[in-house]
Amino acid sequence: MQPISKLTVVAGVWMALTMAHPIEATTIVNPGGGQSLLGRGVNSETGELAENCIVGTVEPVNNTKITINYKSSQSVYQLLNESQGKVSGEVDLWLASGSATAEFHSRMSENELTSSHVFKINYTGPDLRLEQRSLSELGESTLAGTVASRTQTCGDEFIQHLQLGSHVYLTAQMIFSSTDEYDHYSEKMEGRILFFSDESEVSETFQSLTENGIYTIAAYSEVDLPAPITDVLGGSGNMHCRTNNMKQCIDSFNQVLSYLLDAQQYGVWLSSVEQLPVIYARTSGYQQSGHFDMDVQTPNDNKDTLPLLRYLLDGLIDNLEKRNVIEAFKNVTGDEQLFYHGQLLKADSNIELLEGAIESCRIEATVEVCQSAIDALTGNLQRLETAVN
């Protein structure tokens, strides 16, 4: 079996098998690959791709649409719950996802150092469904083997549905180096939207409250951004400005927003993409979708590991959010570059350690392994400073 690179498997694989509503499907966000994923097996516990044990006819459903959502002051967990949801109202789906989902959403979250506002432009393209299904030759051949060997070859679910499309998160943030500055700003500027038409809308009060902060605009997507967006943002996905000189950031933000809302620009880009990216894939259980001969093993009950996994994710998110702050200040400071460079190295080390611990806990999914991963972090995580003392 092959692991999906940077796969985000958002499934309630940690749920007890005795639940009243057992899990029957997994959602794989930004799985990579293309339409050939249809029919591939998936191990819903580890997120590994298995073989193609199901074949069928690909039937597209053209229900394309564009929607725009505005969100402000949302924590990572709120963003995750909104984008991934829950199973039976009990367990957050992203708890089983490893670190990729948390890393992505931490870039646009509200936290004790960052005020954040987000426009989400959602393009939902055609969805592809595998219908008139039957077992492939390989799938047929597994019927003579054991349940364990069949599960090893075919996984416990298969990919039945691919959603094509593109999501872009256009973000404006006010980033501070201390919680005191953030709290003071939040108290005085409660409800202040961080989008500006031009510099004349930037008040003296705003500049006074943010004189030590960084105004950041960014565009994020689960897939590659169109070149006109990255070109406006100087070749990357973000831009940082001091609040006494915000013109470049404001103008760039408005250029990107205009591009995204223009049917003759972003709309043309979407229609000209030879093959739209797969933004998520959905799986089905073999027997739940009528393949009754495919008796496979279901994931173990790993519910007891959830609190330990959440503890590790809390630590990871804290380090990711502080890293974003450190990186913003490193991009606009002069004499303090060396300090922030050192803090970035510490953050990267912490993140690597925490990601390793999360992956061990997620894949092995036993209390003993998760606790051992947590114990191994003791004394190895470094304290991060976001302000020069």
Protein backbone atom coordinates (compact mmCIF):
# COMPACT_ATOMS: atom_id res chain seq x y z
CA MET A 1 0.00 0.00 0.00
CA GLN A 2 1.19 3.51 -0.78
CA PRO A 3 0.68 6.48 1.56
CA ILE A 4 -0.90 9.54 -0.03
CA SER A 5 1.60 12.40 0.08
CA LYS A 6 0.47 15.06 2.60
CA LEU A 7 -2.87 13.31 2.68
CA THR A 8 -5.55 14.71 4.91
CA VAL A 9 -7.83 11.87 5.89
CA VAL A 10 -10.69 13.35 7.81
CA ALA A 11 -12.58 10.40 9.16
CA GLY A 12 -13.92 9.35 12.52
CA VAL A 13 -11.69 6.31 12.64
CA TRP A 14 -11.34 6.77 16.37
CA MET A 15 -15.01 6.07 17.02
CA ALA A 16 -16.04 3.02 19.01
CA LEU A 17 -17.25 0.13 16.89
CA THR A 18 -20.25 -0.15 19.18
CA MET A 19 -21.60 3.26 18.12
CA ALA A 20 -25.25 3.42 17.14
CA HIS A 21 -24.25 5.00 13.82
CA PRO A 22 -21.06 3.34 12.58
CA ILE A 23 -18.83 5.10 10.08
CA GLU A 24 -19.49 4.20 6.47
CA ALA A 25 -17.39 6.72 4.61
CA THR A 26 -14.22 8.74 4.69
CA THR A 27 -13.59 12.15 3.15
CA ILE A 28 -10.11 12.71 1.75
CA VAL A 29 -9.33 16.41 1.32
CA ASN A 30 -6.96 17.39 -1.50
CA PRO A 31 -5.84 13.80 -2.12
CA GLY A 32 -3.57 14.52 -5.05
CA GLY A 33 -3.80 12.42 -8.19
CA GLY A 34 -6.66 12.67 -10.62
CA GLN A 35 -9.65 10.79 -11.88
CA SER A 36 -7.80 7.49 -11.71
CA LEU A 37 -8.45 7.57 -7.95
CA LEU A 38 -11.99 6.32 -8.59
CA GLY A 39 -12.23 2.69 -7.50
CA ARG A 40 -9.01 2.75 -5.47
CA GLY A 41 -9.16 1.12 -2.08
CA VAL A 42 -8.44 3.08 1.08
CA ASN A 43 -7.45 2.05 4.57
CA SER A 44 -9.62 4.43 6.56
CA GLU A 45 -7.48 4.09 9.69
CA THR A 46 -4.08 4.96 8.21
CA GLY A 47 -5.04 6.93 5.10
CA GLU A 48 -3.13 4.64 2.78
CA LEU A 49 -4.24 3.93 -0.76
CA ALA A 50 -4.81 0.30 -1.62
CA GLU A 51 -5.32 -1.36 -5.01
CA ASN A 52 -8.16 -0.94 -7.51
CA CYS A 53 -10.56 -3.68 -6.49
CA ILE A 54 -13.62 -1.94 -7.97
CA VAL A 55 -14.25 -0.88 -11.57
CA GLY A 56 -17.20 0.88 -13.15
CA THR A 57 -18.43 3.71 -15.33
CA VAL A 58 -17.47 7.29 -14.51
CA GLU A 59 -20.57 9.48 -14.53
CA PRO A 60 -20.05 13.25 -14.26
CA VAL A 61 -22.65 15.45 -12.60
CA ASN A 62 -22.39 19.10 -13.68
CA ASN A 63 -23.67 21.15 -10.76
CA THR A 64 -21.06 23.91 -10.91
CA LYS A 65 -21.40 27.04 -8.81
CA ILE A 66 -19.39 29.81 -7.15
CA THR A 67 -20.12 30.97 -3.62
CA ILE A 68 -18.44 33.54 -1.38
CA ASN A 69 -18.28 33.32 2.41
CA TYR A 70 -16.92 35.87 4.86
CA LYS A 71 -15.52 34.81 8.24
CA SER A 72 -13.79 36.69 11.02
CA SER A 73 -12.24 35.92 14.38
CA GLN A 74 -12.33 32.16 13.91
CA SER A 75 -9.92 29.87 15.75
CA VAL A 76 -8.22 26.95 14.05
CA TYR A 77 -10.71 24.58 15.64
CA GLN A 78 -13.69 26.59 14.38
CA LEU A 79 -12.24 26.63 10.87
CA LEU A 80 -11.56 22.90 11.02
CA ASN A 81 -15.00 22.01 12.30
CA GLU A 82 -16.64 24.16 9.65
CA SER A 83 -14.65 22.66 6.78
CA GLN A 84 -14.57 19.06 7.97
CA GLY A 85 -17.58 18.59 10.25
CA LYS A 86 -18.33 15.81 12.72
CA VAL A 87 -19.48 12.22 12.75
CA SER A 88 -22.81 11.68 14.53
CA GLY A 89 -22.23 14.96 16.38
CA GLU A 90 -19.57 13.43 18.60
CA VAL A 91 -16.07 13.32 17.20
CA ASP A 92 -14.41 16.02 15.11
CA LEU A 93 -13.46 14.47 11.79
CA TRP A 94 -10.11 16.28 11.55
CA LEU A 95 -8.78 14.64 14.73
CA ALA A 96 -7.62 11.74 12.59
CA SER A 97 -6.08 13.93 9.94
CA GLY A 98 -2.52 14.29 11.16
CA SER A 99 -0.93 17.72 10.82
CA ALA A 100 -1.60 18.86 7.25
CA THR A 101 -5.10 20.19 7.89
CA ALA A 102 -4.08 22.04 11.06
CA GLU A 103 -1.09 23.62 9.30
CA PHE A 104 -3.24 24.90 6.45
CA HIS A 105 -5.93 26.46 8.65
CA SER A 106 -3.47 27.95 11.14
CA ARG A 107 -2.41 30.43 8.45
CA MET A 108 -5.79 32.16 8.56
CA SER A 109 -6.92 31.70 12.16
CA GLU A 110 -7.62 34.19 14.94
CA ASN A 111 -5.45 33.67 18.01
CA GLU A 112 -3.92 35.58 20.92
CA LEU A 113 -1.54 37.41 18.57
CA THR A 114 -3.54 37.70 15.35
CA SER A 115 -6.81 39.30 14.24
CA SER A 116 -8.02 37.56 11.10
CA HIS A 117 -10.67 38.13 8.43
CA VAL A 118 -11.26 35.76 5.50
CA PHE A 119 -13.11 35.79 2.20
CA LYS A 120 -13.54 32.23 0.95
CA ILE A 121 -14.27 31.94 -2.77
CA ASN A 122 -15.56 28.45 -3.49
CA TYR A 123 -15.77 27.08 -7.01
CA THR A 124 -17.52 23.74 -7.09
CA GLY A 125 -16.96 22.04 -10.41
CA PRO A 126 -18.35 18.76 -11.71
CA ASP A 127 -18.39 15.77 -9.45
CA LEU A 128 -17.50 12.32 -10.75
CA ARG A 129 -19.16 9.19 -9.48
CA LEU A 130 -18.30 5.57 -10.10
CA GLU A 131 -21.49 3.78 -11.09
CA GLN A 132 -22.42 0.38 -12.58
CA ARG A 133 -19.71 -1.00 -10.38
CA SER A 134 -18.29 -4.50 -10.20
CA LEU A 135 -15.21 -6.18 -8.76
CA SER A 136 -12.05 -5.87 -10.81
CA GLU A 137 -10.08 -8.97 -11.68
CA LEU A 138 -7.87 -8.26 -8.68
CA GLY A 139 -10.92 -7.80 -6.48
CA GLU A 140 -12.35 -11.11 -7.66
CA SER A 141 -9.06 -12.86 -6.95
CA THR A 142 -9.09 -11.74 -3.31
CA LEU A 143 -12.32 -13.60 -2.61
CA ALA A 144 -10.39 -16.87 -2.38
CA GLY A 145 -8.14 -15.45 0.35
CA THR A 146 -8.62 -14.46 3.96
CA VAL A 147 -10.43 -11.36 5.20
CA ALA A 148 -7.10 -10.00 6.44
CA SER A 149 -5.34 -10.45 3.11
CA ARG A 150 -8.32 -8.98 1.25
CA THR A 151 -8.25 -5.91 3.49
CA GLN A 152 -4.50 -5.59 2.97
CA THR A 153 -4.99 -5.57 -0.81
CA CYS A 154 -8.23 -3.60 -1.16
CA GLY A 155 -8.51 -1.57 2.05
CA ASP A 156 -11.75 -1.41 4.00
CA GLU A 157 -13.35 1.25 1.75
CA PHE A 158 -13.05 2.40 -1.86
CA ILE A 159 -13.19 5.82 -3.55
CA GLN A 160 -16.60 6.25 -5.16
CA HIS A 161 -16.91 10.02 -5.61
CA LEU A 162 -14.51 12.78 -6.66
CA GLN A 163 -15.37 16.47 -6.37
CA LEU A 164 -13.54 18.77 -8.77
CA GLY A 165 -13.15 22.46 -8.05
CA SER A 166 -11.06 25.16 -6.44
CA HIS A 167 -11.16 27.01 -3.10
CA VAL A 168 -9.32 30.28 -2.49
CA TYR A 169 -9.08 31.89 0.94
CA LEU A 170 -8.32 35.61 0.67
CA THR A 171 -7.14 36.71 4.09
CA ALA A 172 -6.36 40.00 5.83
CA GLN A 173 -4.67 39.85 9.24
CA MET A 174 -3.36 42.22 11.87
CA ILE A 175 -0.43 40.52 13.60
CA PHE A 176 1.07 41.57 16.94
CA SER A 177 4.18 40.44 18.79
CA SER A 178 2.54 40.49 22.23
CA THR A 179 -0.82 39.48 23.65
CA ASP A 180 -1.11 42.85 25.41
CA GLU A 181 -1.00 44.69 22.09
CA TYR A 182 -3.50 42.28 20.54
CA ASP A 183 -5.88 42.61 23.51
CA HIS A 184 -5.66 46.42 23.45
CA TYR A 185 -6.36 46.49 19.71
CA SER A 186 -9.27 44.04 20.02
CA GLU A 187 -10.86 46.05 22.80
CA LYS A 188 -10.64 49.38 20.97
CA MET A 189 -11.35 48.14 17.43
CA GLU A 190 -13.93 45.46 18.10
CA GLY A 191 -15.75 44.58 14.89
CA ARG A 192 -13.26 46.45 12.68
CA ILE A 193 -13.05 44.75 9.29
CA LEU A 194 -9.51 44.56 7.94
CA PHE A 195 -10.41 45.15 4.28
CA PHE A 196 -9.77 48.63 2.85
CA SER A 197 -10.63 50.19 -0.51
CA ASP A 198 -7.70 52.61 -0.24
CA GLU A 199 -5.38 54.21 2.31
CA SER A 200 -7.86 56.99 3.09
CA GLU A 201 -9.95 54.44 5.01
CA VAL A 202 -7.08 53.74 7.43
CA SER A 203 -7.84 55.88 10.47
CA GLU A 204 -5.30 57.52 12.76
CA THR A 205 -6.73 55.50 15.64
CA PHE A 206 -6.10 52.28 13.75
CA GLN A 207 -2.53 53.28 12.95
CA SER A 208 -1.88 54.30 16.54
CA LEU A 209 -3.13 50.97 17.89
CA THR A 210 -1.17 48.96 15.34
CA GLU A 211 2.08 50.93 15.02
CA ASN A 212 4.10 47.95 16.27
CA GLY A 213 2.12 45.36 14.32
CA ILE A 214 2.16 43.87 10.83
CA TYR A 215 -0.69 44.04 8.33
CA THR A 216 -0.68 40.88 6.25
CA ILE A 217 -2.69 39.89 3.21
CA ALA A 218 -2.60 36.40 1.77
CA ALA A 219 -4.29 34.02 -0.63
CA TYR A 220 -4.34 30.33 0.20
CA SER A 221 -5.65 27.29 -1.58
CA GLU A 222 -5.43 23.53 -1.22
CA VAL A 223 -4.10 23.50 -4.79
CA ASP A 224 -1.79 25.76 -6.80
CA LEU A 225 -3.00 29.35 -7.09
CA PRO A 226 -3.45 30.93 -10.54
CA ALA A 227 -0.33 32.80 -11.63
CA PRO A 228 -2.05 36.24 -11.71
CA ILE A 229 -2.65 35.95 -7.96
CA THR A 230 0.89 34.97 -7.01
CA ASP A 231 2.30 37.59 -9.41
CA VAL A 232 0.36 40.36 -7.62
CA LEU A 233 1.64 39.07 -4.28
CA GLY A 234 5.27 39.19 -5.36
CA GLY A 235 5.64 35.56 -6.32
CA SER A 236 4.35 34.10 -3.06
CA GLY A 237 0.96 33.72 -1.44
CA ASN A 238 1.28 36.61 1.02
CA MET A 239 2.47 40.17 1.58
CA HIS A 240 3.39 42.05 4.79
CA CYS A 241 3.20 45.81 5.46
CA ARG A 242 3.72 48.16 8.37
CA THR A 243 0.52 50.09 9.09
CA ASN A 244 2.15 53.45 8.38
CA ASN A 245 2.66 52.28 4.78
CA MET A 246 -0.17 49.97 3.75
CA LYS A 247 -0.71 51.08 0.16
CA GLN A 248 0.99 48.10 -1.49
CA CYS A 249 -0.91 45.60 0.64
CA ILE A 250 -4.27 47.33 0.15
CA ASP A 251 -3.82 47.70 -3.61
CA SER A 252 -2.63 44.11 -3.98
CA PHE A 253 -5.55 42.75 -1.93
CA ASN A 254 -8.05 44.61 -4.10
CA GLN A 255 -6.38 43.45 -7.30
CA VAL A 256 -6.59 39.82 -6.17
CA LEU A 257 -10.22 40.18 -5.09
CA SER A 258 -11.15 41.82 -8.41
CA TYR A 259 -9.46 38.99 -10.29
CA LEU A 260 -11.32 36.32 -8.31
CA LEU A 261 -14.72 37.97 -8.85
CA ASP A 262 -14.22 38.61 -12.57
CA ALA A 263 -15.78 35.99 -14.83
CA GLN A 264 -13.43 37.10 -17.60
CA GLN A 265 -10.35 36.43 -15.46
CA TYR A 266 -10.72 33.78 -12.74
CA GLY A 267 -13.76 32.38 -14.54
CA VAL A 268 -11.75 31.95 -17.72
CA TRP A 269 -8.89 30.35 -15.77
CA LEU A 270 -11.29 27.83 -14.25
CA SER A 271 -12.83 26.96 -17.61
CA SER A 272 -9.44 26.66 -19.29
CA VAL A 273 -7.95 24.25 -16.78
CA GLU A 274 -7.61 21.02 -18.74
CA GLN A 275 -8.40 18.98 -15.69
CA LEU A 276 -9.68 20.68 -12.58
CA PRO A 277 -8.03 19.52 -9.37
CA VAL A 278 -9.71 17.02 -7.11
CA ILE A 279 -10.60 19.02 -3.99
CA TYR A 280 -11.91 16.02 -2.12
CA ALA A 281 -12.73 12.35 -2.56
CA ARG A 282 -15.38 10.38 -0.75
CA THR A 283 -15.26 6.70 -0.06
CA SER A 284 -17.87 4.05 0.60
CA GLY A 285 -17.70 0.82 2.51
CA TYR A 286 -17.74 -2.21 0.25
CA GLN A 287 -20.74 -3.93 1.76
CA GLN A 288 -22.63 -0.68 2.39
CA SER A 289 -22.52 -0.02 -1.36
CA GLY A 290 -23.69 -3.48 -2.39
CA HIS A 291 -20.45 -5.44 -2.79
CA PHE A 292 -21.50 -8.08 -0.29
CA ASP A 293 -18.76 -10.55 -1.23
CA MET A 294 -16.13 -8.05 -0.07
CA ASP A 295 -15.96 -8.97 3.58
CA VAL A 296 -13.20 -6.75 5.04
CA GLN A 297 -11.92 -5.78 8.46
CA THR A 298 -13.06 -2.51 10.00
CA PRO A 299 -10.72 -0.19 11.94
CA ASN A 300 -10.09 -0.89 15.59
CA ASP A 301 -11.70 1.09 18.40
CA ASN A 302 -9.15 3.82 19.12
CA LYS A 303 -11.41 6.24 20.98
CA ASP A 304 -9.15 6.21 24.05
CA THR A 305 -6.37 7.90 22.06
CA LEU A 306 -8.47 10.95 21.19
CA PRO A 307 -7.54 13.07 24.25
CA LEU A 308 -3.85 12.35 23.67
CA LEU A 309 -4.08 13.20 19.98
CA ARG A 310 -5.92 16.42 20.81
CA TYR A 311 -3.16 17.32 23.31
CA LEU A 312 -0.54 16.92 20.57
CA LEU A 313 -2.61 18.90 18.07
CA ASP A 314 -2.98 21.73 20.60
CA GLY A 315 0.79 21.91 20.86
CA LEU A 316 1.24 21.79 17.11
CA ILE A 317 -1.30 24.55 16.47
CA ASP A 318 0.30 26.79 19.09
CA ASN A 319 3.68 26.43 17.40
CA LEU A 320 2.24 26.89 13.89
CA GLU A 321 0.46 30.09 14.86
CA LYS A 322 3.54 31.52 16.56
CA ARG A 323 5.63 30.58 13.55
CA ASN A 324 3.29 32.60 11.33
CA VAL A 325 3.77 35.62 13.61
CA ILE A 326 7.55 35.22 13.67
CA GLU A 327 7.70 34.90 9.88
CA ALA A 328 5.62 38.06 9.41
CA PHE A 329 7.96 40.12 11.61
CA LYS A 330 11.05 38.62 10.01
CA ASN A 331 9.82 39.85 6.62
CA VAL A 332 9.57 43.52 7.64
CA THR A 333 12.23 44.02 10.29
CA GLY A 334 15.80 45.11 9.81
CA ASP A 335 18.11 44.85 12.82
CA GLU A 336 15.95 42.10 14.35
CA GLN A 337 16.29 39.71 11.40
CA LEU A 338 18.81 37.50 13.19
CA PHE A 339 16.56 37.16 16.24
CA TYR A 340 13.53 36.15 14.18
CA HIS A 341 15.60 33.79 12.04
CA GLY A 342 16.66 31.96 15.21
CA GLN A 343 13.05 31.76 16.41
CA LEU A 344 11.98 30.33 13.05
CA LEU A 345 14.55 27.56 13.40
CA LYS A 346 13.21 26.74 16.86
CA ALA A 347 9.62 26.74 15.58
CA ASP A 348 10.51 24.45 12.68
CA SER A 349 12.22 22.04 15.07
CA ASN A 350 9.20 21.99 17.40
CA ILE A 351 6.79 21.48 14.52
CA GLU A 352 8.82 18.60 13.13
CA LEU A 353 8.87 16.87 16.52
CA LEU A 354 5.15 17.38 17.07
CA GLU A 355 4.25 16.21 13.57
CA GLY A 356 6.25 13.04 14.14
CA ALA A 357 4.49 12.40 17.44
CA ILE A 358 1.07 13.01 15.87
CA GLU A 359 1.81 10.67 12.99
CA SER A 360 2.90 7.91 15.37
CA CYS A 361 -0.22 8.37 17.47
CA ARG A 362 -2.51 8.55 14.45
CA ILE A 363 -1.18 5.48 12.67
CA GLU A 364 -0.47 3.17 15.60
CA ALA A 365 -3.49 4.51 17.50
CA THR A 366 -2.86 2.95 20.88
CA VAL A 367 -2.73 4.73 24.21
CA GLU A 368 0.73 3.32 24.88
CA VAL A 369 2.18 4.61 21.59
CA CYS A 370 0.53 8.04 21.96
CA GLN A 371 1.71 8.46 25.55
CA SER A 372 5.21 7.37 24.59
CA ALA A 373 5.23 9.94 21.78
CA ILE A 374 4.20 12.64 24.26
CA ASP A 375 6.83 11.58 26.81
CA ALA A 376 9.53 11.72 24.14
CA LEU A 377 8.79 15.44 23.60
CA THR A 378 9.65 16.33 27.21
CA GLY A 379 12.68 18.60 27.28
CA ASN A 380 12.95 18.69 23.48
CA LEU A 381 10.43 21.42 22.63
CA GLN A 382 11.94 24.92 22.66
CA ARG A 383 10.27 28.06 23.95
CA LEU A 384 9.35 30.52 21.20
CA GLU A 385 9.59 34.30 21.57
CA THR A 386 7.56 36.52 19.25
CA ALA A 387 8.96 39.85 20.55
CA VAL A 388 12.52 41.04 21.07
CA ASN A 389 13.10 41.61 24.77
